[in-house]
Protein backbone atom coordinates (compact mmCIF):
# COMPACT_ATOMS: atom_id res chain seq x y z
CA MET A 1 0.00 0.00 0.00
CA ALA A 2 1.12 3.54 -0.66
CA ALA A 3 2.25 5.55 2.33
CA ARG A 4 -0.65 7.98 1.98
CA ARG A 5 -3.50 8.49 -0.46
CA ALA A 6 -5.36 11.70 -1.17
CA LEU A 7 -9.09 11.77 -0.38
CA VAL A 8 -11.88 12.84 -2.67
CA VAL A 9 -15.04 14.09 -0.95
CA THR A 10 -18.18 12.52 -2.42
CA GLY A 11 -21.15 13.67 -0.36
CA HIS A 12 -20.45 12.53 3.21
CA LEU A 13 -17.98 9.87 2.04
CA GLN A 14 -14.23 10.41 1.97
CA VAL A 15 -13.06 8.30 -0.99
CA SER A 16 -9.38 7.61 -1.51
CA GLN A 17 -7.94 8.94 -4.74
CA GLU A 18 -7.03 5.45 -5.92
CA VAL A 19 -10.57 4.16 -5.40
CA GLU A 20 -12.14 7.29 -6.93
CA GLN A 21 -9.97 6.98 -10.04
CA ALA A 22 -10.79 3.28 -10.39
CA LEU A 23 -14.52 3.92 -10.09
CA ALA A 24 -14.37 6.79 -12.59
CA ALA A 25 -12.56 4.50 -15.05
CA LYS A 26 -15.10 1.70 -14.40
CA ALA A 27 -12.24 -0.49 -13.21
CA ALA A 28 -12.61 -3.34 -10.74
CA VAL A 29 -12.99 -2.36 -7.06
CA VAL A 30 -13.64 -4.61 -4.05
CA ALA A 31 -14.97 -3.25 -0.76
CA LEU A 32 -13.66 -4.80 2.47
CA GLU A 33 -15.09 -4.60 5.98
CA SER A 34 -12.93 -3.36 8.84
CA THR A 35 -14.54 -5.13 11.80
CA ILE A 36 -12.53 -8.25 11.03
CA ILE A 37 -9.40 -6.11 11.47
CA ALA A 38 -10.38 -4.17 14.58
CA HIS A 39 -12.14 -6.95 16.48
CA GLY A 40 -11.22 -10.22 14.77
CA PHE A 41 -7.51 -10.47 15.55
CA PRO A 42 -5.07 -9.05 18.12
CA TYR A 43 -2.58 -6.39 17.04
CA PRO A 44 -0.17 -6.67 15.20
CA GLU A 45 -1.65 -9.81 13.62
CA SER A 46 -4.65 -7.69 12.66
CA LEU A 47 -2.42 -5.42 10.59
CA SER A 48 -0.90 -8.34 8.71
CA VAL A 49 -4.41 -9.64 7.96
CA ALA A 50 -5.40 -6.23 6.58
CA GLN A 51 -2.35 -6.25 4.33
CA ALA A 52 -3.08 -9.81 3.19
CA LEU A 53 -6.65 -8.89 2.21
CA HIS A 54 -5.45 -5.88 0.22
CA GLU A 55 -2.81 -7.97 -1.52
CA ALA A 56 -5.30 -10.74 -2.36
CA VAL A 57 -7.56 -8.24 -4.12
CA ARG A 58 -4.67 -6.56 -5.96
CA ASP A 59 -3.26 -9.90 -7.11
CA GLU A 60 -6.52 -10.45 -9.02
CA GLY A 61 -6.32 -7.11 -10.83
CA SER A 62 -8.76 -5.18 -8.62
CA VAL A 63 -8.48 -2.20 -6.28
CA PRO A 64 -9.19 -2.82 -2.56
CA ALA A 65 -11.39 -0.37 -0.67
CA MET A 66 -11.46 -1.10 3.05
CA ILE A 67 -14.22 0.87 4.78
CA ALA A 68 -14.14 2.42 8.24
CA ILE A 69 -15.04 5.57 10.16
CA VAL A 70 -12.01 7.63 11.17
CA ARG A 71 -12.51 10.57 13.51
CA GLY A 72 -16.12 10.86 12.44
CA GLU A 73 -15.45 10.60 8.70
CA VAL A 74 -16.52 7.66 6.57
CA ARG A 75 -13.46 6.45 4.67
CA ILE A 76 -13.76 4.40 1.48
CA GLY A 77 -10.23 3.13 1.02
CA LEU A 78 -7.80 3.45 3.93
CA ASP A 79 -4.27 4.83 3.85
CA ASP A 80 -1.55 3.32 6.03
CA GLU A 81 -2.25 5.64 8.95
CA ALA A 82 -5.97 4.81 9.03
CA THR A 83 -5.31 1.09 8.57
CA GLU A 84 -2.91 1.15 11.53
CA LEU A 85 -5.48 2.99 13.68
CA ILE A 86 -8.25 0.49 12.90
CA ALA A 87 -5.94 -2.52 13.23
CA ARG A 88 -4.90 -1.47 16.73
CA GLY A 89 -8.56 -1.44 17.74
CA ASP A 90 -8.06 1.08 20.57
CA ASP A 91 -11.45 2.72 21.22
CA VAL A 92 -12.64 1.61 17.77
CA GLU A 93 -16.36 0.94 17.96
CA LYS A 94 -18.11 -1.93 16.22
CA CYS A 95 -20.33 -0.09 13.78
CA GLY A 96 -23.42 -1.59 12.15
CA VAL A 97 -25.58 0.28 9.67
CA ALA A 98 -27.70 1.74 12.49
CA ASP A 99 -24.59 3.15 14.20
CA ILE A 100 -23.07 5.10 11.31
CA ALA A 101 -24.74 8.47 11.95
CA ALA A 102 -24.11 8.51 15.70
CA VAL A 103 -20.46 7.44 15.39
CA CYS A 104 -19.86 10.14 12.76
CA ALA A 105 -21.66 12.80 14.81
CA ARG A 106 -19.46 12.07 17.83
CA GLY A 107 -16.28 12.20 15.77
CA ALA A 108 -15.43 8.66 16.87
CA ASP A 109 -13.59 5.79 15.18
CA GLY A 110 -15.66 2.88 13.93
CA ALA A 111 -14.97 -0.49 12.33
CA THR A 112 -17.80 -1.27 9.94
CA THR A 113 -19.65 -4.59 9.97
CA VAL A 114 -21.13 -6.20 6.86
CA SER A 115 -24.37 -4.21 7.09
CA ALA A 116 -22.56 -0.87 7.41
CA SER A 117 -19.86 -1.73 4.88
CA ILE A 118 -22.17 -2.79 2.05
CA THR A 119 -24.44 0.21 2.61
CA LEU A 120 -21.52 2.63 2.37
CA ALA A 121 -19.86 0.72 -0.48
CA ALA A 122 -23.02 0.88 -2.58
CA GLN A 123 -23.30 4.63 -1.95
CA ALA A 124 -19.79 5.01 -3.30
CA GLY A 125 -20.67 2.95 -6.40
CA ILE A 126 -18.81 -0.26 -5.48
CA GLU A 127 -20.54 -3.45 -6.62
CA VAL A 128 -18.47 -6.27 -5.04
CA PHE A 129 -17.69 -6.83 -1.36
CA ALA A 130 -15.69 -9.50 0.48
CA THR A 131 -16.05 -10.66 4.07
CA GLY A 132 -15.41 -13.73 6.19
CA GLY A 133 -18.95 -14.73 7.14
CA LEU A 134 -22.39 -13.15 7.00
CA GLY A 135 -24.48 -12.48 10.11
CA GLY A 136 -27.82 -14.21 10.42
CA VAL A 137 -30.50 -15.56 12.74
CA HIS A 138 -29.08 -16.48 16.13
CA ARG A 139 -29.79 -19.84 17.70
CA HIS A 140 -32.78 -20.10 20.04
CA HIS A 141 -33.91 -16.70 18.77
CA GLY A 142 -37.26 -15.59 20.15
CA GLY A 143 -37.31 -18.38 22.72
CA GLY A 144 -39.24 -17.64 25.91
CA ASP A 145 -39.34 -13.92 26.62
CA ALA A 146 -36.21 -13.22 24.59
CA PRO A 147 -36.74 -11.11 21.44
CA ALA A 148 -35.64 -12.44 18.07
CA ASP A 149 -31.94 -11.78 17.47
CA ILE A 150 -31.46 -11.33 13.73
CA SER A 151 -28.41 -9.64 12.22
CA ALA A 152 -28.89 -6.39 10.33
CA ASP A 153 -26.68 -7.96 7.64
CA LEU A 154 -29.68 -9.82 6.21
CA LEU A 155 -31.97 -6.82 5.79
CA ALA A 156 -29.11 -4.65 4.51
CA LEU A 157 -28.24 -7.26 1.89
CA SER A 158 -31.88 -7.50 0.81
CA ARG A 159 -31.97 -3.81 -0.10
CA THR A 160 -28.42 -3.12 -1.27
CA PRO A 161 -27.43 -3.95 -4.87
CA ILE A 162 -24.02 -5.49 -4.21
CA ALA A 163 -22.42 -8.93 -4.58
CA VAL A 164 -21.15 -10.24 -1.23
CA VAL A 165 -18.53 -13.00 -1.24
CA SER A 166 -18.45 -14.88 2.06
CA SER A 167 -18.00 -18.35 3.52
CA GLY A 168 -21.71 -18.57 4.28
CA ALA A 169 -22.50 -17.78 7.89
CA LYS A 170 -20.98 -18.79 11.21
CA MET A 171 -22.00 -22.13 12.72
CA LEU A 172 -22.95 -20.42 15.98
CA LEU A 173 -26.06 -19.16 14.13
CA ASP A 174 -29.30 -20.95 13.30
CA LEU A 175 -28.24 -21.74 9.75
CA PRO A 176 -31.51 -23.24 8.42
CA ALA A 177 -33.37 -20.16 9.70
CA THR A 178 -30.69 -17.89 8.19
CA VAL A 179 -30.96 -19.49 4.76
CA GLU A 180 -34.76 -19.37 4.96
CA ALA A 181 -34.59 -15.67 5.89
CA LEU A 182 -32.41 -14.96 2.86
CA GLU A 183 -34.95 -16.66 0.62
CA THR A 184 -37.83 -14.77 2.24
CA LEU A 185 -35.99 -11.48 1.72
CA GLY A 186 -35.42 -12.30 -1.94
CA VAL A 187 -31.62 -12.51 -1.75
CA PRO A 188 -30.16 -14.89 -4.37
CA VAL A 189 -27.66 -17.31 -2.79
CA LEU A 190 -25.12 -18.72 -5.23
CA GLY A 191 -22.53 -21.36 -4.51
CA TYR A 192 -19.03 -20.99 -5.92
CA ARG A 193 -17.55 -24.46 -6.41
CA THR A 194 -19.97 -25.80 -3.82
CA THR A 195 -23.52 -27.13 -3.84
CA HIS A 196 -24.07 -26.58 -0.10
CA PHE A 197 -24.26 -23.52 2.14
CA PRO A 198 -20.90 -23.19 3.94
CA ALA A 199 -20.76 -22.66 7.70
CA PHE A 200 -17.69 -20.40 7.96
CA TYR A 201 -15.24 -22.85 9.56
CA LEU A 202 -17.06 -25.75 7.85
CA SER A 203 -17.10 -26.49 4.13
CA SER A 204 -20.74 -27.49 4.33
CA SER A 205 -23.64 -26.93 6.69
CA GLY A 206 -25.54 -29.75 5.00
CA ILE A 207 -28.04 -27.25 3.57
CA PRO A 208 -28.22 -27.65 -0.23
CA LEU A 209 -28.06 -24.65 -2.54
CA ARG A 210 -30.36 -24.39 -5.54
CA HIS A 211 -27.78 -22.62 -7.70
CA SER A 212 -24.02 -23.04 -7.99
CA PHE A 213 -21.27 -22.17 -10.44
CA ASP A 214 -17.88 -23.72 -11.07
CA ASN A 215 -16.26 -20.55 -12.41
CA VAL A 216 -16.23 -16.81 -11.86
CA ALA A 217 -17.53 -16.11 -15.38
CA GLY A 218 -20.78 -17.90 -14.49
CA LEU A 219 -21.13 -15.91 -11.29
CA ALA A 220 -20.51 -12.68 -13.19
CA SER A 221 -23.20 -13.56 -15.73
CA ALA A 222 -25.75 -14.23 -12.97
CA ILE A 223 -24.90 -10.92 -11.27
CA GLN A 224 -25.20 -9.08 -14.59
CA CYS A 225 -28.64 -10.62 -15.13
CA GLN A 226 -29.64 -9.42 -11.67
CA ARG A 227 -28.48 -5.91 -12.57
CA GLU A 228 -30.34 -5.88 -15.90
CA MET A 229 -33.58 -6.82 -14.15
CA GLY A 230 -33.20 -3.75 -11.97
CA ALA A 231 -33.32 -5.81 -8.77
CA LEU A 232 -32.64 -3.81 -5.64
CA SER A 233 -31.32 -6.71 -3.53
CA GLY A 234 -27.78 -7.91 -3.28
CA ILE A 235 -26.46 -11.37 -4.10
CA LEU A 236 -24.69 -13.70 -1.67
CA VAL A 237 -21.83 -15.70 -3.19
CA CYS A 238 -20.88 -18.63 -0.97
CA ASN A 239 -17.22 -19.66 -1.11
CA PRO A 240 -16.30 -22.49 1.30
CA PRO A 241 -13.13 -22.28 3.42
CA PRO A 242 -9.99 -23.90 1.98
CA ASP A 243 -9.99 -27.68 2.53
CA ASP A 244 -6.68 -27.70 4.38
CA VAL A 245 -7.98 -25.43 7.19
CA ALA A 246 -11.69 -26.32 7.32
CA LEU A 247 -12.75 -27.94 10.61
CA GLY A 248 -14.82 -31.05 11.32
CA PRO A 249 -18.52 -30.62 12.16
CA GLU A 250 -18.64 -32.75 15.32
CA GLU A 251 -15.78 -31.08 17.15
CA LEU A 252 -16.88 -27.61 16.08
CA GLU A 253 -20.48 -28.18 17.20
CA ARG A 254 -19.20 -29.31 20.58
CA TRP A 255 -17.09 -26.16 20.95
CA VAL A 256 -19.94 -23.91 19.78
CA GLU A 257 -22.36 -25.37 22.31
CA GLN A 258 -19.83 -24.86 25.08
CA ALA A 259 -19.08 -21.29 23.94
CA LEU A 260 -22.79 -20.40 23.76
CA ALA A 261 -23.33 -21.85 27.23
CA GLU A 262 -20.49 -19.70 28.56
CA ALA A 263 -21.97 -16.62 26.86
CA ASN A 264 -25.34 -17.33 28.48
CA ARG A 265 -23.68 -17.83 31.86
CA ASP A 266 -21.87 -14.52 31.56
CA GLY A 267 -24.97 -12.62 30.42
CA ILE A 268 -23.64 -11.80 26.97
CA VAL A 269 -26.38 -10.58 24.61
CA GLY A 270 -26.94 -8.85 21.27
CA SER A 271 -24.01 -7.88 19.08
CA ASP A 272 -21.57 -8.89 21.83
CA VAL A 273 -22.41 -12.59 21.42
CA THR A 274 -20.47 -13.15 18.19
CA PRO A 275 -17.08 -11.71 19.30
CA TYR A 276 -17.44 -13.46 22.68
CA VAL A 277 -18.12 -16.83 21.06
CA LEU A 278 -15.34 -16.40 18.50
CA ASP A 279 -12.85 -15.70 21.31
CA ALA A 280 -14.08 -18.81 23.12
CA LEU A 281 -13.72 -20.90 19.96
CA HIS A 282 -10.16 -19.66 19.57
CA ARG A 283 -9.39 -20.93 23.06
CA LEU A 284 -11.27 -24.23 22.72
CA SER A 285 -9.76 -25.04 19.32
CA ALA A 286 -6.21 -24.12 20.36
CA GLY A 287 -6.11 -21.46 17.67
CA ARG A 288 -7.36 -23.53 14.73
CA THR A 289 -10.40 -21.32 14.21
CA VAL A 290 -8.17 -18.25 13.87
CA VAL A 291 -6.04 -19.94 11.19
CA CYS A 292 -9.22 -20.89 9.33
CA ASN A 293 -10.63 -17.37 9.68
CA LYS A 294 -7.50 -15.77 8.19
CA ASP A 295 -7.29 -18.18 5.27
CA LEU A 296 -10.96 -18.05 4.33
CA ALA A 297 -11.03 -14.23 4.54
CA ARG A 298 -8.01 -14.01 2.25
CA GLU A 299 -9.53 -16.52 -0.18
CA ASN A 300 -12.85 -14.63 -0.23
CA ALA A 301 -10.99 -11.41 -1.00
CA ALA A 302 -9.24 -13.15 -3.91
CA VAL A 303 -12.52 -14.53 -5.30
CA ALA A 304 -14.10 -11.08 -4.97
CA GLY A 305 -11.14 -9.59 -6.82
CA ARG A 306 -11.59 -12.05 -9.69
CA LEU A 307 -15.34 -11.45 -9.72
CA ALA A 308 -15.01 -7.65 -9.78
CA HIS A 309 -12.49 -7.94 -12.61
CA ALA A 310 -14.80 -10.28 -14.56
CA LEU A 311 -17.64 -7.79 -14.26
CA THR A 312 -15.53 -5.17 -16.07
CA ILE A 313 -15.02 -7.41 -19.13
CA PRO A 314 -17.14 -6.14 -22.07
CA GLU A 315 -18.43 -9.62 -22.97
CA VAL A 316 -19.87 -9.98 -19.45
CA GLN A 317 -21.40 -6.52 -19.54
């Protein structure tokens, strides 16, 4: 990454010069979330992950645009200074789509989740986004007196015209309910070299997908058809984790149940559940989940880079 990049003001968004020039030239751009950097890994490992994601996108001929809020300003494309700030995670708030305005108004720093990132990316004109895993319907949601706990990622994806490349959703969620919610919201779910919905650390959740493609050109054609129809929803592209780091379902389910029980014991609720459980899984798996998380995030960034590049090819358009 360059030492510093100039910013171009587009409405309330501060767009890096590199990203602005790529968008103006209709070149390939991939948006990246920043929560995985601020809250997914300890510093300085978080910084190396950020660099790996940027490099994975660039290696496929696309321009990376990590999104975050820095001192109350929405940044589309981070320079080295901003990347370092977010990677350290000091006083960096986890920022969903409903938090954007308040975090900006207070002049605070925020790491954007999927819902916030895709909303801001679409406003900037970016059409492809990469993440690790999508949020969804939490297990035992709505049980007893507890209200339903459903990630804002799902609704945001249903009304944001962007292609999201992820390894499905995390196993700690109610995956059948999550897939059903995506269908209800009218979000196309496409498998990339898989016929089953991935479960983040798992190659397959056992839930079959109706549509899958073996190559990026096929994915690009489906996305272009979605665009031509004028659909307002996004598309979820499911890319399973690499085989050499994917975990086994029995051991992971055992760890997830234990982690969720610990979260319940400690009174963890709402958006705090996911980071709590992920930390617990790191401990219970002796670090294997972290290795998987890094590799799948990097692979998703690479697939998104190839997809964004394919969408700029005249034959696809």
